[in-house]
C-alpha atoms as a PDB file:
ATOM      1  CA  MET A   1       8.575 -34.346-113.323  1.00  0.00           C
ATOM      2  CA  ARG A   2       7.540 -31.855-110.679  1.00  0.00           C
ATOM      3  CA  ILE A   3       5.813 -31.997-107.346  1.00  0.00           C
ATOM      4  CA  GLU A   4       2.174 -31.008-108.023  1.00  0.00           C
ATOM      5  CA  HIS A   5       1.382 -29.954-104.470  1.00  0.00           C
ATOM      6  CA  ALA A   6       1.951 -30.628-100.818  1.00  0.00           C
ATOM      7  CA  ALA A   7      -0.948 -30.968 -98.244  1.00  0.00           C
ATOM      8  CA  LEU A   8      -1.437 -30.056 -94.666  1.00  0.00           C
ATOM      9  CA  TYR A   9      -4.178 -31.126 -92.393  1.00  0.00           C
ATOM     10  CA  VAL A  10      -5.169 -28.272 -90.041  1.00  0.00           C
ATOM     11  CA  CYS A  11      -7.668 -27.784 -87.184  1.00  0.00           C
ATOM     12  CA  ASP A  12      -8.534 -24.155 -88.185  1.00  0.00           C
ATOM     13  CA  LEU A  13      -8.972 -24.161 -91.922  1.00  0.00           C
ATOM     14  CA  GLN A  14      -9.868 -20.486 -92.157  1.00  0.00           C
ATOM     15  CA  GLY A  15      -7.139 -19.432 -89.842  1.00  0.00           C
ATOM     16  CA  ALA A  16      -4.553 -21.332 -91.832  1.00  0.00           C
ATOM     17  CA  LYS A  17      -5.712 -19.939 -95.060  1.00  0.00           C
ATOM     18  CA  ALA A  18      -5.604 -16.391 -93.658  1.00  0.00           C
ATOM     19  CA  PHE A  19      -1.993 -16.983 -92.407  1.00  0.00           C
ATOM     20  CA  PHE A  20      -0.699 -18.013 -95.709  1.00  0.00           C
ATOM     21  CA  GLU A  21      -2.680 -15.170 -97.488  1.00  0.00           C
ATOM     22  CA  LYS A  22      -1.432 -12.498 -95.016  1.00  0.00           C
ATOM     23  CA  TYR A  23       2.214 -13.392 -94.711  1.00  0.00           C
ATOM     24  CA  LEU A  24       3.174 -15.401 -97.796  1.00  0.00           C
ATOM     25  CA  GLY A  25       0.950 -13.958-100.521  1.00  0.00           C
ATOM     26  CA  ALA A  26      -1.016 -17.066-101.137  1.00  0.00           C
ATOM     27  CA  THR A  27      -4.097 -16.910-103.388  1.00  0.00           C
ATOM     28  CA  ALA A  28      -6.823 -19.331-102.308  1.00  0.00           C
ATOM     29  CA  GLY A  29      -9.121 -21.157-104.645  1.00  0.00           C
ATOM     30  CA  ASP A  30     -12.753 -21.901-103.709  1.00  0.00           C
ATOM     31  CA  GLU A  31     -13.428 -23.979-100.634  1.00  0.00           C
ATOM     32  CA  TYR A  32     -14.138 -27.653-101.494  1.00  0.00           C
ATOM     33  CA  TYR A  33     -16.529 -29.445 -99.259  1.00  0.00           C
ATOM     34  CA  ASN A  34     -17.525 -33.139 -99.244  1.00  0.00           C
ATOM     35  CA  PRO A  35     -20.391 -33.520 -96.782  1.00  0.00           C
ATOM     36  CA  LYS A  36     -20.336 -37.333 -96.889  1.00  0.00           C
ATOM     37  CA  LYS A  37     -16.732 -37.414 -95.638  1.00  0.00           C
ATOM     38  CA  GLN A  38     -17.092 -34.180 -93.563  1.00  0.00           C
ATOM     39  CA  PHE A  39     -13.896 -32.933 -95.405  1.00  0.00           C
ATOM     40  CA  LYS A  40     -13.047 -29.390 -96.464  1.00  0.00           C
ATOM     41  CA  SER A  41     -10.013 -27.977 -98.257  1.00  0.00           C
ATOM     42  CA  TYR A  42      -8.509 -25.137-100.107  1.00  0.00           C
ATOM     43  CA  PHE A  43      -5.800 -25.039-102.767  1.00  0.00           C
ATOM     44  CA  LEU A  44      -3.381 -22.233-102.186  1.00  0.00           C
ATOM     45  CA  SER A  45      -1.242 -20.959-105.030  1.00  0.00           C
ATOM     46  CA  PHE A  46       2.015 -19.065-104.616  1.00  0.00           C
ATOM     47  CA  ASP A  47       4.276 -17.119-107.046  1.00  0.00           C
ATOM     48  CA  GLY A  48       6.297 -19.516-109.164  1.00  0.00           C
ATOM     49  CA  GLY A  49       3.484 -22.141-109.380  1.00  0.00           C
ATOM     50  CA  ALA A  50       3.819 -23.909-106.013  1.00  0.00           C
ATOM     51  CA  ARG A  51       0.610 -25.069-104.452  1.00  0.00           C
ATOM     52  CA  LEU A  52      -0.386 -26.100-100.980  1.00  0.00           C
ATOM     53  CA  GLU A  53      -3.601 -27.858-100.069  1.00  0.00           C
ATOM     54  CA  LEU A  54      -4.981 -27.076 -96.658  1.00  0.00           C
ATOM     55  CA  MET A  55      -7.320 -29.806 -95.468  1.00  0.00           C
ATOM     56  CA  TRP A  56      -9.728 -30.163 -92.536  1.00  0.00           C
ATOM     57  CA  LYS A  57     -11.780 -33.270 -91.585  1.00  0.00           C
ATOM     58  CA  GLU A  58     -14.110 -33.851 -88.664  1.00  0.00           C
ATOM     59  CA  GLY A  59     -12.353 -35.909 -85.943  1.00  0.00           C
ATOM     60  CA  ILE A  60      -8.771 -35.778 -87.184  1.00  0.00           C
ATOM     61  CA  ASP A  61      -6.296 -36.113 -84.346  1.00  0.00           C
ATOM     62  CA  ASP A  62      -4.023 -33.133 -83.744  1.00  0.00           C
ATOM     63  CA  ALA A  63      -1.005 -35.108 -82.625  1.00  0.00           C
ATOM     64  CA  PRO A  64       2.044 -33.489 -81.130  1.00  0.00           C
ATOM     65  CA  LYS A  65       4.594 -32.218 -83.721  1.00  0.00           C
ATOM     66  CA  ASP A  66       7.998 -32.817 -82.222  1.00  0.00           C
ATOM     67  CA  ARG A  67      10.569 -30.871 -84.232  1.00  0.00           C
ATOM     68  CA  GLU A  68      12.936 -33.818 -84.660  1.00  0.00           C
ATOM     69  CA  ARG A  69      10.879 -36.761 -85.915  1.00  0.00           C
ATOM     70  CA  THR A  70      10.352 -38.663 -89.068  1.00  0.00           C
ATOM     71  CA  GLY A  71       8.069 -37.274 -91.715  1.00  0.00           C
ATOM     72  CA  TYR A  72       7.838 -33.905 -93.262  1.00  0.00           C
ATOM     73  CA  ALA A  73       9.900 -31.341 -91.223  1.00  0.00           C
ATOM     74  CA  HIS A  74       8.885 -27.919 -92.699  1.00  0.00           C
ATOM     75  CA  ILE A  75       7.691 -25.954 -95.652  1.00  0.00           C
ATOM     76  CA  SER A  76      10.230 -23.590 -97.108  1.00  0.00           C
ATOM     77  CA  PHE A  77       9.326 -20.275 -98.898  1.00  0.00           C
ATOM     78  CA  CYS A  78      11.885 -18.477-101.055  1.00  0.00           C
ATOM     79  CA  LEU A  79      11.532 -14.760-100.388  1.00  0.00           C
ATOM     80  CA  GLY A  80      14.219 -13.589-102.870  1.00  0.00           C
ATOM     81  CA  SER A  81      16.529 -11.607-100.607  1.00  0.00           C
ATOM     82  CA  LYS A  82      18.052 -11.457 -97.204  1.00  0.00           C
ATOM     83  CA  GLU A  83      16.163  -8.321 -96.444  1.00  0.00           C
ATOM     84  CA  GLU A  84      12.891  -9.947 -97.093  1.00  0.00           C
ATOM     85  CA  VAL A  85      13.812 -12.867 -94.848  1.00  0.00           C
ATOM     86  CA  ASP A  86      14.675 -10.369 -92.052  1.00  0.00           C
ATOM     87  CA  ARG A  87      11.629  -8.256 -92.613  1.00  0.00           C
ATOM     88  CA  LEU A  88       9.048 -11.116 -92.657  1.00  0.00           C
ATOM     89  CA  THR A  89      10.866 -12.971 -89.756  1.00  0.00           C
ATOM     90  CA  ALA A  90      10.612  -9.722 -87.657  1.00  0.00           C
ATOM     91  CA  ARG A  91       6.983  -9.233 -88.588  1.00  0.00           C
ATOM     92  CA  LEU A  92       6.028 -12.749 -87.578  1.00  0.00           C
ATOM     93  CA  LYS A  93       8.007 -12.444 -84.334  1.00  0.00           C
ATOM     94  CA  ASP A  94       6.197  -9.062 -83.568  1.00  0.00           C
ATOM     95  CA  ASP A  95       2.870 -10.802 -84.367  1.00  0.00           C
ATOM     96  CA  GLY A  96       3.641 -13.467 -81.644  1.00  0.00           C
ATOM     97  CA  TYR A  97       4.995 -16.417 -83.700  1.00  0.00           C
ATOM     98  CA  ASN A  98       7.986 -18.306 -82.203  1.00  0.00           C
ATOM     99  CA  VAL A  99      11.202 -17.786 -84.251  1.00  0.00           C
ATOM    100  CA  ILE A 100      13.259 -20.976 -83.488  1.00  0.00           C
ATOM    101  CA  SER A 101      16.200 -20.305 -85.724  1.00  0.00           C
ATOM    102  CA  GLY A 102      17.776 -17.304 -87.498  1.00  0.00           C
ATOM    103  CA  PRO A 103      17.790 -15.334 -89.527  1.00  0.00           C
ATOM    104  CA  ARG A 104      21.233 -16.705 -90.231  1.00  0.00           C
ATOM    105  CA  THR A 105      23.482 -18.224 -92.803  1.00  0.00           C
ATOM    106  CA  THR A 106      23.546 -21.993 -92.423  1.00  0.00           C
ATOM    107  CA  GLY A 107      26.590 -24.222 -92.711  1.00  0.00           C
ATOM    108  CA  ASP A 108      25.540 -25.167 -96.234  1.00  0.00           C
ATOM    109  CA  GLY A 109      25.276 -21.514 -97.288  1.00  0.00           C
ATOM    110  CA  TYR A 110      21.508 -20.815 -97.071  1.00  0.00           C
ATOM    111  CA  TYR A 111      20.280 -17.681 -95.391  1.00  0.00           C
ATOM    112  CA  GLU A 112      17.142 -18.622 -93.605  1.00  0.00           C
ATOM    113  CA  SER A 113      14.939 -18.508 -90.485  1.00  0.00           C
ATOM    114  CA  SER A 114      12.495 -20.986 -89.000  1.00  0.00           C
ATOM    115  CA  ILE A 115       9.223 -20.117 -87.376  1.00  0.00           C
ATOM    116  CA  VAL A 116       6.688 -22.248 -85.577  1.00  0.00           C
ATOM    117  CA  ALA A 117       3.596 -21.094 -87.351  1.00  0.00           C
ATOM    118  CA  ILE A 118       0.398 -22.894 -88.203  1.00  0.00           C
ATOM    119  CA  GLU A 119      -0.707 -25.204 -85.316  1.00  0.00           C
ATOM    120  CA  GLY A 120       2.934 -26.135 -84.468  1.00  0.00           C
ATOM    121  CA  ASN A 121       4.098 -26.668 -88.062  1.00  0.00           C
ATOM    122  CA  ILE A 122       7.394 -25.049 -88.959  1.00  0.00           C
ATOM    123  CA  ILE A 123       7.680 -22.555 -91.888  1.00  0.00           C
ATOM    124  CA  GLU A 124      11.145 -21.849 -93.219  1.00  0.00           C
ATOM    125  CA  LEU A 125      11.937 -18.559 -94.799  1.00  0.00           C
ATOM    126  CA  THR A 126      14.918 -18.405 -97.176  1.00  0.00           C
ATOM    127  CA  VAL A 127      16.536 -16.501-100.050  1.00  0.00           C
END
């Protein structure tokens, strides 16, 4: 068994798609649009087979995203090396994103950083 994909509702569908393409090498499929439900989405594919569905729907509430709450906490991307974690973390910081942790080696041995990225959602970069 494997996870088929994760999904993320966003307010700015095109901006979110551009973020994942620019920084994380995503390849977007065609936009899906259901006019009856006023719903749009893209499936993004990443190296290794992981997929993320970005979704937009008219009238969805953009609720506050407290860092410590129940529910999904972050999406983690394996970059393959400490140098890549350092490089992309610095690039995101230079581009105005808030780095909230790292890069560092965690107590359980992971080398990672955490960035507040798309609409307050946290992206984790790791080896």
